[in-house]
Amino acid sequence: MDIFSALADPKRRQLIEALWLHGPLSIKQLSEGAGISRQAITKHLDILIKAKIVSAEFAGKERLHRLNPKPIERVALWLQPFAEQWDERLSRLKHYLGEDHE
């Protein structure tokens, strides 16, 4: 699974955020307040596991899901030059508009 496809769904991003904020969680814990069924969470987690964004391990009878930040860090690193380019363009536009109104 492509990481961008995995990150495209808002529910999957919600699961990633929960794992980032709270650490390893079970499906039961992830479903509390998520607004989606455990079955849907399981499907979303499977996609995140295939994209290597999340890993799963058993702790007793519970299966805990843990965030693996490395793939997201690689995406952020890849996007950084684009963000810098847009910041520069917006700064030039702001400067240009500021000069016209003075």
N, C-alpha and C. Protein backbone atom coordinates (compact mmCIF):
# COMPACT_ATOMS: atom_id res chain seq x y z
N MET A 1 0.85 -1.19 0.00
CA MET A 1 0.00 0.00 0.00
C MET A 1 0.89 1.23 0.00
N ASP A 2 0.60 2.14 -0.88
CA ASP A 2 1.29 3.42 -0.98
C ASP A 2 0.97 4.26 0.26
N ILE A 3 1.97 4.91 0.82
CA ILE A 3 1.77 5.69 2.05
C ILE A 3 0.79 6.84 1.82
N PHE A 4 0.83 7.47 0.64
CA PHE A 4 -0.09 8.57 0.38
C PHE A 4 -1.53 8.09 0.34
N SER A 5 -1.76 6.91 -0.22
CA SER A 5 -3.11 6.33 -0.21
C SER A 5 -3.54 6.01 1.21
N ALA A 6 -2.61 5.50 1.99
CA ALA A 6 -2.94 5.16 3.38
C ALA A 6 -3.27 6.41 4.19
N LEU A 7 -2.58 7.50 3.92
CA LEU A 7 -2.81 8.74 4.66
C LEU A 7 -4.00 9.55 4.12
N ALA A 8 -4.53 9.17 2.97
CA ALA A 8 -5.58 9.95 2.32
C ALA A 8 -6.91 9.93 3.08
N ASP A 9 -7.17 8.88 3.82
CA ASP A 9 -8.46 8.74 4.49
C ASP A 9 -8.45 9.45 5.85
N PRO A 10 -9.44 10.31 6.12
CA PRO A 10 -9.47 11.03 7.40
C PRO A 10 -9.61 10.12 8.62
N LYS A 11 -10.30 9.01 8.48
CA LYS A 11 -10.44 8.08 9.62
C LYS A 11 -9.09 7.43 9.95
N ARG A 12 -8.30 7.13 8.92
CA ARG A 12 -6.98 6.56 9.18
C ARG A 12 -6.07 7.60 9.83
N ARG A 13 -6.18 8.84 9.39
CA ARG A 13 -5.40 9.90 10.03
C ARG A 13 -5.83 10.08 11.48
N GLN A 14 -7.11 9.90 11.75
CA GLN A 14 -7.62 9.97 13.13
C GLN A 14 -7.01 8.85 13.98
N LEU A 15 -6.90 7.65 13.42
CA LEU A 15 -6.29 6.53 14.14
C LEU A 15 -4.81 6.80 14.39
N ILE A 16 -4.12 7.34 13.39
CA ILE A 16 -2.70 7.68 13.54
C ILE A 16 -2.52 8.70 14.66
N GLU A 17 -3.38 9.70 14.68
CA GLU A 17 -3.29 10.73 15.71
C GLU A 17 -3.52 10.14 17.10
N ALA A 18 -4.48 9.25 17.22
CA ALA A 18 -4.75 8.60 18.52
C ALA A 18 -3.54 7.81 18.98
N LEU A 19 -2.91 7.08 18.07
CA LEU A 19 -1.73 6.29 18.43
C LEU A 19 -0.55 7.20 18.77
N TRP A 20 -0.44 8.32 18.09
CA TRP A 20 0.63 9.27 18.37
C TRP A 20 0.45 9.90 19.75
N LEU A 21 -0.79 10.26 20.08
CA LEU A 21 -1.07 10.92 21.35
C LEU A 21 -1.03 9.98 22.55
N HIS A 22 -1.51 8.75 22.35
CA HIS A 22 -1.72 7.85 23.49
C HIS A 22 -0.80 6.64 23.52
N GLY A 23 -0.01 6.44 22.49
CA GLY A 23 0.86 5.26 22.46
C GLY A 23 0.09 4.04 22.00
N PRO A 24 0.64 2.84 22.24
CA PRO A 24 0.00 1.61 21.76
C PRO A 24 -1.42 1.45 22.31
N LEU A 25 -2.35 1.10 21.41
CA LEU A 25 -3.76 0.93 21.79
C LEU A 25 -4.34 -0.31 21.14
N SER A 26 -5.34 -0.87 21.80
CA SER A 26 -6.08 -2.00 21.24
C SER A 26 -7.19 -1.47 20.33
N ILE A 27 -7.79 -2.36 19.56
CA ILE A 27 -8.92 -1.96 18.71
C ILE A 27 -10.05 -1.43 19.58
N LYS A 28 -10.29 -2.06 20.71
CA LYS A 28 -11.34 -1.60 21.63
C LYS A 28 -11.06 -0.17 22.06
N GLN A 29 -9.83 0.12 22.45
CA GLN A 29 -9.48 1.47 22.87
C GLN A 29 -9.60 2.47 21.72
N LEU A 30 -9.19 2.05 20.54
CA LEU A 30 -9.28 2.94 19.37
C LEU A 30 -10.73 3.22 18.98
N SER A 31 -11.61 2.27 19.24
CA SER A 31 -13.01 2.43 18.83
C SER A 31 -13.79 3.35 19.77
N GLU A 32 -13.30 3.54 20.98
CA GLU A 32 -13.99 4.40 21.94
C GLU A 32 -13.95 5.85 21.47
N GLY A 33 -15.11 6.38 21.13
CA GLY A 33 -15.20 7.76 20.67
C GLY A 33 -14.78 7.99 19.24
N ALA A 34 -14.46 6.94 18.50
CA ALA A 34 -13.99 7.11 17.12
C ALA A 34 -15.14 7.34 16.14
N GLY A 35 -16.33 6.91 16.50
CA GLY A 35 -17.47 7.10 15.62
C GLY A 35 -17.54 6.11 14.46
N ILE A 36 -16.73 5.05 14.51
CA ILE A 36 -16.80 4.00 13.50
C ILE A 36 -16.73 2.64 14.19
N SER A 37 -17.19 1.63 13.50
CA SER A 37 -17.25 0.29 14.08
C SER A 37 -15.86 -0.32 14.24
N ARG A 38 -15.78 -1.34 15.08
CA ARG A 38 -14.52 -2.06 15.26
C ARG A 38 -14.09 -2.72 13.95
N GLN A 39 -15.06 -3.20 13.18
CA GLN A 39 -14.74 -3.83 11.89
C GLN A 39 -14.07 -2.82 10.95
N ALA A 40 -14.61 -1.61 10.92
CA ALA A 40 -14.04 -0.56 10.07
C ALA A 40 -12.64 -0.19 10.56
N ILE A 41 -12.48 -0.10 11.88
CA ILE A 41 -11.16 0.20 12.44
C ILE A 41 -10.17 -0.88 12.05
N THR A 42 -10.59 -2.14 12.13
CA THR A 42 -9.72 -3.25 11.75
C THR A 42 -9.27 -3.12 10.30
N LYS A 43 -10.20 -2.79 9.41
CA LYS A 43 -9.85 -2.62 7.99
C LYS A 43 -8.87 -1.47 7.79
N HIS A 44 -9.12 -0.36 8.48
CA HIS A 44 -8.22 0.79 8.38
C HIS A 44 -6.83 0.45 8.93
N LEU A 45 -6.80 -0.26 10.05
CA LEU A 45 -5.52 -0.65 10.64
C LEU A 45 -4.75 -1.59 9.71
N ASP A 46 -5.46 -2.49 9.05
CA ASP A 46 -4.80 -3.40 8.10
C ASP A 46 -4.10 -2.61 6.98
N ILE A 47 -4.75 -1.57 6.51
CA ILE A 47 -4.15 -0.71 5.47
C ILE A 47 -2.92 0.01 6.02
N LEU A 48 -3.03 0.52 7.25
CA LEU A 48 -1.90 1.22 7.87
C LEU A 48 -0.74 0.27 8.15
N ILE A 49 -1.05 -0.98 8.48
CA ILE A 49 -0.01 -1.98 8.70
C ILE A 49 0.69 -2.31 7.39
N LYS A 50 -0.08 -2.47 6.31
CA LYS A 50 0.52 -2.75 5.00
C LYS A 50 1.42 -1.61 4.54
N ALA A 51 1.07 -0.38 4.91
CA ALA A 51 1.88 0.78 4.56
C ALA A 51 3.03 0.98 5.55
N LYS A 52 3.12 0.11 6.54
CA LYS A 52 4.18 0.14 7.56
C LYS A 52 4.13 1.39 8.44
N ILE A 53 2.95 2.00 8.53
CA ILE A 53 2.76 3.16 9.39
C ILE A 53 2.43 2.70 10.81
N VAL A 54 1.80 1.54 10.91
CA VAL A 54 1.40 0.97 12.20
C VAL A 54 1.90 -0.46 12.26
N SER A 55 2.29 -0.88 13.45
CA SER A 55 2.63 -2.28 13.68
C SER A 55 1.71 -2.82 14.76
N ALA A 56 1.56 -4.14 14.80
CA ALA A 56 0.69 -4.78 15.79
C ALA A 56 1.47 -5.86 16.50
N GLU A 57 1.22 -5.97 17.79
CA GLU A 57 1.86 -7.01 18.59
C GLU A 57 0.89 -7.45 19.68
N PHE A 58 1.02 -8.68 20.09
CA PHE A 58 0.15 -9.19 21.14
C PHE A 58 0.76 -8.90 22.50
N ALA A 59 -0.08 -8.44 23.41
CA ALA A 59 0.27 -8.26 24.82
C ALA A 59 -0.76 -9.06 25.60
N GLY A 60 -0.42 -10.31 25.89
CA GLY A 60 -1.40 -11.21 26.48
C GLY A 60 -2.41 -11.58 25.41
N LYS A 61 -3.68 -11.37 25.71
CA LYS A 61 -4.74 -11.68 24.74
C LYS A 61 -5.07 -10.49 23.84
N GLU A 62 -4.55 -9.33 24.21
CA GLU A 62 -4.85 -8.13 23.44
C GLU A 62 -3.83 -7.90 22.34
N ARG A 63 -4.31 -7.41 21.23
CA ARG A 63 -3.43 -7.01 20.12
C ARG A 63 -3.30 -5.49 20.19
N LEU A 64 -2.09 -5.03 20.46
CA LEU A 64 -1.85 -3.60 20.56
C LEU A 64 -1.26 -3.07 19.25
N HIS A 65 -1.71 -1.89 18.88
CA HIS A 65 -1.25 -1.25 17.65
C HIS A 65 -0.38 -0.06 18.04
N ARG A 66 0.76 0.03 17.37
CA ARG A 66 1.76 1.04 17.69
C ARG A 66 2.11 1.82 16.42
N LEU A 67 2.25 3.13 16.58
CA LEU A 67 2.63 3.99 15.46
C LEU A 67 4.11 3.81 15.14
N ASN A 68 4.41 3.69 13.87
CA ASN A 68 5.79 3.69 13.38
C ASN A 68 5.98 5.02 12.65
N PRO A 69 6.64 5.98 13.26
CA PRO A 69 6.73 7.32 12.66
C PRO A 69 7.67 7.43 11.46
N LYS A 70 8.52 6.45 11.22
CA LYS A 70 9.52 6.56 10.14
C LYS A 70 8.91 6.85 8.77
N PRO A 71 7.87 6.12 8.33
CA PRO A 71 7.30 6.43 7.00
C PRO A 71 6.74 7.85 6.91
N ILE A 72 6.14 8.33 7.99
CA ILE A 72 5.59 9.68 8.00
C ILE A 72 6.72 10.71 7.98
N GLU A 73 7.81 10.41 8.70
CA GLU A 73 8.97 11.29 8.68
C GLU A 73 9.57 11.38 7.28
N ARG A 74 9.58 10.25 6.56
CA ARG A 74 10.10 10.26 5.18
C ARG A 74 9.22 11.12 4.28
N VAL A 75 7.90 11.05 4.47
CA VAL A 75 6.99 11.89 3.68
C VAL A 75 7.23 13.36 4.01
N ALA A 76 7.37 13.68 5.29
CA ALA A 76 7.61 15.06 5.70
C ALA A 76 8.92 15.58 5.09
N LEU A 77 9.94 14.74 5.09
CA LEU A 77 11.22 15.13 4.50
C LEU A 77 11.08 15.36 3.00
N TRP A 78 10.31 14.51 2.34
CA TRP A 78 10.09 14.65 0.90
C TRP A 78 9.31 15.93 0.60
N LEU A 79 8.34 16.29 1.47
CA LEU A 79 7.50 17.46 1.24
C LEU A 79 8.19 18.78 1.62
N GLN A 80 9.24 18.71 2.42
CA GLN A 80 9.89 19.92 2.93
C GLN A 80 10.32 20.90 1.83
N PRO A 81 10.97 20.47 0.76
CA PRO A 81 11.34 21.45 -0.29
C PRO A 81 10.13 22.15 -0.91
N PHE A 82 9.03 21.43 -1.05
CA PHE A 82 7.81 22.04 -1.60
C PHE A 82 7.27 23.10 -0.64
N ALA A 83 7.28 22.80 0.65
CA ALA A 83 6.80 23.75 1.65
C ALA A 83 7.68 25.00 1.67
N GLU A 84 8.99 24.80 1.59
CA GLU A 84 9.91 25.93 1.58
C GLU A 84 9.69 26.80 0.34
N GLN A 85 9.46 26.15 -0.80
CA GLN A 85 9.22 26.90 -2.03
C GLN A 85 7.94 27.73 -1.93
N TRP A 86 6.88 27.15 -1.37
CA TRP A 86 5.63 27.88 -1.21
C TRP A 86 5.79 29.01 -0.19
N ASP A 87 6.52 28.78 0.89
CA ASP A 87 6.76 29.84 1.86
C ASP A 87 7.47 31.02 1.21
N GLU A 88 8.46 30.72 0.37
CA GLU A 88 9.19 31.77 -0.33
C GLU A 88 8.26 32.54 -1.28
N ARG A 89 7.45 31.82 -2.03
CA ARG A 89 6.52 32.48 -2.97
C ARG A 89 5.50 33.35 -2.23
N LEU A 90 4.97 32.83 -1.13
CA LEU A 90 3.99 33.61 -0.37
C LEU A 90 4.64 34.83 0.27
N SER A 91 5.87 34.70 0.70
CA SER A 91 6.60 35.83 1.27
C SER A 91 6.81 36.92 0.21
N ARG A 92 7.18 36.50 -1.00
CA ARG A 92 7.36 37.48 -2.09
C ARG A 92 6.03 38.15 -2.43
N LEU A 93 4.95 37.38 -2.45
CA LEU A 93 3.63 37.95 -2.75
C LEU A 93 3.22 38.94 -1.66
N LYS A 94 3.45 38.58 -0.41
CA LYS A 94 3.12 39.47 0.70
C LYS A 94 3.92 40.76 0.59
N HIS A 95 5.19 40.64 0.27
CA HIS A 95 6.05 41.82 0.10
C HIS A 95 5.55 42.67 -1.07
N TYR A 96 5.21 42.03 -2.17
CA TYR A 96 4.72 42.73 -3.36
C TYR A 96 3.42 43.47 -3.05
N LEU A 97 2.49 42.81 -2.39
CA LEU A 97 1.21 43.44 -2.06
C LEU A 97 1.39 44.56 -1.05
N GLY A 98 2.32 44.39 -0.14
CA GLY A 98 2.59 45.43 0.85
C GLY A 98 3.16 46.68 0.22
N GLU A 99 4.00 46.53 -0.80
CA GLU A 99 4.58 47.68 -1.50
C GLU A 99 3.52 48.43 -2.29
N ASP A 100 2.55 47.72 -2.87
CA ASP A 100 1.51 48.36 -3.68
C ASP A 100 0.56 49.20 -2.84
N HIS A 101 0.38 48.85 -1.59
CA HIS A 101 -0.61 49.53 -0.76
C HIS A 101 -0.01 50.66 0.07
N GLU A 102 1.26 50.89 -0.05
CA GLU A 102 1.88 51.96 0.75
C GLU A 102 1.96 53.25 -0.01
